[in-house]
Amino acid sequence: MYYSKSILYQTKKSFDIIDITDDIKKFITEFWCKNWLCNIFTRHTTAVLKINEAEDGFRNDLKERCNKNIPIDEIYKHNDLEHRDPKTMCESKEECLNGHSHIRAMLMGNSSEIIPVQKGELSFGIWQRVLLFELDHSREREIIFSYIWD
C-alpha cells in the first residue's frame, strides 16, 4: 500500500538548512504499521534532502566549501538568458540566474531519501537527521512524505 502527504517549508535565505526530522517522526506516528519504508522527496531542482548530522560546524564548513568550489558570482551558461531554452525560463530574470544552485544540487545529491522504519521508529544512527538544503534564494519548498508497506 501507499500513502503520501505534502508539507510546505519556507526557506529564509540562500543556503538555508532546515532539519525536517521531527516532522518525519510525526508523520510516521500517524499510522499503525510498524515496519515499512518512508520516502521523503523534494519537487525542486535547486533544493536537496540529505541524511547527515545537524551540527553548526558541519553546516558552516559545507557552506564555505560550496562558496569556494561553486561560487555564486561565477559565469554559468545556465545564466545566459539569450541562449537559454525558453521552455526553462523563470518568471523573473533574477530567479533564472541560478546556475550555481543547480550545480550544487547535482553535486550534493538527492532529491529524495528512503528511511527504513522498524517497530514504529526511524532506523537512524545516533546523530543522523534529515536536512533540507535550500541552494537558491528563499522561497516555499514542497516536500512529499510517503510510505510504502506490504
C-alpha atoms as a PDB file:
ATOM      1  CA  MET A   1       0.000   0.000   0.000  1.00  0.00           C
ATOM      2  CA  TYR A   2       0.997   3.606  -0.478  1.00  0.00           C
ATOM      3  CA  TYR A   3       0.125   6.913   1.206  1.00  0.00           C
ATOM      4  CA  SER A   4       1.598  10.410   0.864  1.00  0.00           C
ATOM      5  CA  LYS A   5       1.157  13.967   2.026  1.00  0.00           C
ATOM      6  CA  SER A   6       2.918  17.239   1.252  1.00  0.00           C
ATOM      7  CA  ILE A   7       4.415  19.672   3.715  1.00  0.00           C
ATOM      8  CA  LEU A   8       5.457  23.180   2.721  1.00  0.00           C
ATOM      9  CA  TYR A   9       8.607  24.752   4.145  1.00  0.00           C
ATOM     10  CA  GLN A  10       9.516  28.413   3.821  1.00  0.00           C
ATOM     11  CA  THR A  11      13.258  28.837   3.466  1.00  0.00           C
ATOM     12  CA  LYS A  12      14.640  32.089   4.810  1.00  0.00           C
ATOM     13  CA  LYS A  13      17.867  32.650   2.868  1.00  0.00           C
ATOM     14  CA  SER A  14      20.230  31.344   0.234  1.00  0.00           C
ATOM     15  CA  PHE A  15      21.905  28.184   1.515  1.00  0.00           C
ATOM     16  CA  ASP A  16      19.368  27.686   4.258  1.00  0.00           C
ATOM     17  CA  ILE A  17      19.369  24.332   6.059  1.00  0.00           C
ATOM     18  CA  ILE A  18      16.182  23.079   7.711  1.00  0.00           C
ATOM     19  CA  ASP A  19      16.103  19.975   9.894  1.00  0.00           C
ATOM     20  CA  ILE A  20      12.843  18.187   8.974  1.00  0.00           C
ATOM     21  CA  THR A  21      13.449  15.057  11.066  1.00  0.00           C
ATOM     22  CA  ASP A  22      10.847  15.862  13.723  1.00  0.00           C
ATOM     23  CA  ASP A  23       8.187  16.313  11.023  1.00  0.00           C
ATOM     24  CA  ILE A  24       9.094  12.872   9.637  1.00  0.00           C
ATOM     25  CA  LYS A  25       8.826  11.354  13.111  1.00  0.00           C
ATOM     26  CA  LYS A  26       5.383  12.926  13.492  1.00  0.00           C
ATOM     27  CA  PHE A  27       4.366  11.605  10.067  1.00  0.00           C
ATOM     28  CA  ILE A  28       5.331   8.013  10.888  1.00  0.00           C
ATOM     29  CA  THR A  29       3.332   8.050  14.148  1.00  0.00           C
ATOM     30  CA  GLU A  30       0.120   8.694  12.185  1.00  0.00           C
ATOM     31  CA  PHE A  31      -0.027   5.060  11.016  1.00  0.00           C
ATOM     32  CA  TRP A  32      -0.475   1.720  12.682  1.00  0.00           C
ATOM     33  CA  CYS A  33       2.075  -0.086  10.506  1.00  0.00           C
ATOM     34  CA  LYS A  34       5.300  -0.688  12.439  1.00  0.00           C
ATOM     35  CA  ASN A  35       7.706  -1.862   9.687  1.00  0.00           C
ATOM     36  CA  TRP A  36       7.801  -0.039   6.363  1.00  0.00           C
ATOM     37  CA  LEU A  37       9.729   2.368   4.148  1.00  0.00           C
ATOM     38  CA  CYS A  38       9.341   6.117   4.471  1.00  0.00           C
ATOM     39  CA  ASN A  39      10.264   8.183   1.412  1.00  0.00           C
ATOM     40  CA  ILE A  40      10.915  11.936   1.555  1.00  0.00           C
ATOM     41  CA  PHE A  41      11.014  13.755  -1.799  1.00  0.00           C
ATOM     42  CA  THR A  42      11.582  17.365  -2.860  1.00  0.00           C
ATOM     43  CA  ARG A  43       9.850  18.618  -6.008  1.00  0.00           C
ATOM     44  CA  HIS A  44      12.623  21.107  -6.760  1.00  0.00           C
ATOM     45  CA  THR A  45      15.879  21.095  -8.736  1.00  0.00           C
ATOM     46  CA  THR A  46      17.699  23.608  -6.516  1.00  0.00           C
ATOM     47  CA  ALA A  47      16.954  22.004  -3.158  1.00  0.00           C
ATOM     48  CA  VAL A  48      18.200  18.674  -1.836  1.00  0.00           C
ATOM     49  CA  LEU A  49      17.459  16.311   1.019  1.00  0.00           C
ATOM     50  CA  LYS A  50      20.352  14.640   2.796  1.00  0.00           C
ATOM     51  CA  ILE A  51      20.816  12.497   5.858  1.00  0.00           C
ATOM     52  CA  ASN A  52      23.620  13.890   7.988  1.00  0.00           C
ATOM     53  CA  GLU A  53      24.116  15.467  11.388  1.00  0.00           C
ATOM     54  CA  ALA A  54      22.611  18.863  12.186  1.00  0.00           C
ATOM     55  CA  GLU A  55      25.718  20.424  13.683  1.00  0.00           C
ATOM     56  CA  ASP A  56      26.636  24.075  13.133  1.00  0.00           C
ATOM     57  CA  GLY A  57      30.298  23.409  12.353  1.00  0.00           C
ATOM     58  CA  PHE A  58      29.324  20.959   9.611  1.00  0.00           C
ATOM     59  CA  ARG A  59      26.758  23.405   8.200  1.00  0.00           C
ATOM     60  CA  ASN A  60      29.292  26.241   8.095  1.00  0.00           C
ATOM     61  CA  ASP A  61      32.011  24.024   6.588  1.00  0.00           C
ATOM     62  CA  LEU A  62      29.658  22.841   3.837  1.00  0.00           C
ATOM     63  CA  LYS A  63      28.522  26.372   3.003  1.00  0.00           C
ATOM     64  CA  GLU A  64      32.124  27.618   2.864  1.00  0.00           C
ATOM     65  CA  ARG A  65      33.164  24.684   0.639  1.00  0.00           C
ATOM     66  CA  CYS A  66      30.244  25.318  -1.746  1.00  0.00           C
ATOM     67  CA  ASN A  67      31.035  29.042  -1.903  1.00  0.00           C
ATOM     68  CA  LYS A  68      34.690  28.248  -2.658  1.00  0.00           C
ATOM     69  CA  ASN A  69      34.142  25.478  -5.230  1.00  0.00           C
ATOM     70  CA  ILE A  70      30.883  26.669  -6.820  1.00  0.00           C
ATOM     71  CA  PRO A  71      30.727  30.442  -6.263  1.00  0.00           C
ATOM     72  CA  ILE A  72      27.567  32.399  -6.949  1.00  0.00           C
ATOM     73  CA  ASP A  73      29.345  35.090  -8.984  1.00  0.00           C
ATOM     74  CA  GLU A  74      31.000  32.659 -11.434  1.00  0.00           C
ATOM     75  CA  ILE A  75      29.943  32.758 -15.117  1.00  0.00           C
ATOM     76  CA  TYR A  76      27.460  29.935 -15.836  1.00  0.00           C
ATOM     77  CA  LYS A  77      25.977  29.114 -19.255  1.00  0.00           C
ATOM     78  CA  HIS A  78      22.684  28.411 -17.491  1.00  0.00           C
ATOM     79  CA  ASN A  79      22.574  32.141 -16.656  1.00  0.00           C
ATOM     80  CA  ASP A  80      22.997  33.233 -20.291  1.00  0.00           C
ATOM     81  CA  LEU A  81      19.353  34.065 -20.942  1.00  0.00           C
ATOM     82  CA  GLU A  82      19.919  34.951 -24.607  1.00  0.00           C
ATOM     83  CA  HIS A  83      20.870  31.344 -25.382  1.00  0.00           C
ATOM     84  CA  ARG A  84      18.760  29.509 -22.829  1.00  0.00           C
ATOM     85  CA  ASP A  85      15.908  27.220 -23.840  1.00  0.00           C
ATOM     86  CA  PRO A  86      12.724  29.330 -23.495  1.00  0.00           C
ATOM     87  CA  LYS A  87      10.896  26.326 -22.010  1.00  0.00           C
ATOM     88  CA  THR A  88      13.130  26.570 -18.925  1.00  0.00           C
ATOM     89  CA  MET A  89      12.736  30.297 -18.353  1.00  0.00           C
ATOM     90  CA  CYS A  90      11.644  31.565 -14.971  1.00  0.00           C
ATOM     91  CA  GLU A  91       9.073  34.184 -14.080  1.00  0.00           C
ATOM     92  CA  SER A  92      11.759  36.783 -13.358  1.00  0.00           C
ATOM     93  CA  LYS A  93      15.293  37.297 -14.658  1.00  0.00           C
ATOM     94  CA  GLU A  94      16.747  37.199 -11.120  1.00  0.00           C
ATOM     95  CA  GLU A  95      15.153  33.814 -10.466  1.00  0.00           C
ATOM     96  CA  CYS A  96      16.766  32.354 -13.602  1.00  0.00           C
ATOM     97  CA  LEU A  97      20.299  33.348 -12.630  1.00  0.00           C
ATOM     98  CA  ASN A  98      20.892  30.272 -10.516  1.00  0.00           C
ATOM     99  CA  GLY A  99      23.413  28.132 -12.383  1.00  0.00           C
ATOM    100  CA  HIS A 100      25.383  27.729  -9.168  1.00  0.00           C
ATOM    101  CA  SER A 101      22.302  26.329  -7.388  1.00  0.00           C
ATOM    102  CA  HIS A 102      21.725  23.619  -9.988  1.00  0.00           C
ATOM    103  CA  ILE A 103      25.373  22.530  -9.937  1.00  0.00           C
ATOM    104  CA  ARG A 104      25.433  22.441  -6.135  1.00  0.00           C
ATOM    105  CA  ALA A 105      22.265  20.331  -6.125  1.00  0.00           C
ATOM    106  CA  MET A 106      23.729  17.843  -8.610  1.00  0.00           C
ATOM    107  CA  LEU A 107      26.964  17.504  -6.659  1.00  0.00           C
ATOM    108  CA  MET A 108      25.331  17.324  -3.238  1.00  0.00           C
ATOM    109  CA  GLY A 109      22.942  14.660  -4.327  1.00  0.00           C
ATOM    110  CA  ASN A 110      19.490  13.604  -3.577  1.00  0.00           C
ATOM    111  CA  SER A 111      16.023  14.837  -4.284  1.00  0.00           C
ATOM    112  CA  SER A 112      14.815  12.034  -2.009  1.00  0.00           C
ATOM    113  CA  GLU A 113      15.774   9.825   0.894  1.00  0.00           C
ATOM    114  CA  ILE A 114      14.324   6.434   1.817  1.00  0.00           C
ATOM    115  CA  ILE A 115      14.349   5.611   5.517  1.00  0.00           C
ATOM    116  CA  PRO A 116      13.509   2.200   6.964  1.00  0.00           C
ATOM    117  CA  VAL A 117      11.001   2.282   9.804  1.00  0.00           C
ATOM    118  CA  GLN A 118      11.305  -0.586  12.276  1.00  0.00           C
ATOM    119  CA  LYS A 119       8.975  -1.047  15.234  1.00  0.00           C
ATOM    120  CA  GLY A 120       7.494   2.388  14.516  1.00  0.00           C
ATOM    121  CA  GLU A 121      10.866   4.205  14.717  1.00  0.00           C
ATOM    122  CA  LEU A 122      13.193   5.695  12.101  1.00  0.00           C
ATOM    123  CA  SER A 123      16.200   3.375  11.748  1.00  0.00           C
ATOM    124  CA  PHE A 124      18.726   6.155  12.267  1.00  0.00           C
ATOM    125  CA  GLY A 125      22.173   6.202  13.786  1.00  0.00           C
ATOM    126  CA  ILE A 126      22.608   8.397  16.834  1.00  0.00           C
ATOM    127  CA  TRP A 127      23.469  11.651  15.004  1.00  0.00           C
ATOM    128  CA  GLN A 128      21.502  11.192  11.780  1.00  0.00           C
ATOM    129  CA  ARG A 129      18.907  13.790  10.821  1.00  0.00           C
ATOM    130  CA  VAL A 130      17.136  14.612   7.542  1.00  0.00           C
ATOM    131  CA  LEU A 131      18.152  18.054   6.295  1.00  0.00           C
ATOM    132  CA  LEU A 132      16.503  20.167   3.598  1.00  0.00           C
ATOM    133  CA  PHE A 133      19.123  22.300   1.843  1.00  0.00           C
ATOM    134  CA  GLU A 134      17.976  25.466   0.081  1.00  0.00           C
ATOM    135  CA  LEU A 135      20.601  26.092  -2.612  1.00  0.00           C
ATOM    136  CA  ASP A 136      18.904  29.048  -4.314  1.00  0.00           C
ATOM    137  CA  HIS A 137      17.044  32.046  -2.887  1.00  0.00           C
ATOM    138  CA  SER A 138      14.436  31.879  -0.129  1.00  0.00           C
ATOM    139  CA  ARG A 139      11.078  30.515  -1.193  1.00  0.00           C
ATOM    140  CA  GLU A 140       8.426  27.966  -0.384  1.00  0.00           C
ATOM    141  CA  ARG A 141       9.517  24.354  -0.888  1.00  0.00           C
ATOM    142  CA  GLU A 142       7.178  21.378  -1.115  1.00  0.00           C
ATOM    143  CA  ILE A 143       8.350  18.108   0.396  1.00  0.00           C
ATOM    144  CA  ILE A 144       6.345  14.944  -0.175  1.00  0.00           C
ATOM    145  CA  PHE A 145       6.298  12.448   2.687  1.00  0.00           C
ATOM    146  CA  SER A 146       5.178   8.980   1.648  1.00  0.00           C
ATOM    147  CA  TYR A 147       5.200   5.466   2.941  1.00  0.00           C
ATOM    148  CA  ILE A 148       5.103   2.052   1.327  1.00  0.00           C
ATOM    149  CA  TRP A 149       4.238  -1.145   3.125  1.00  0.00           C
ATOM    150  CA  ASP A 150       3.178  -4.655   2.311  1.00  0.00           C
END
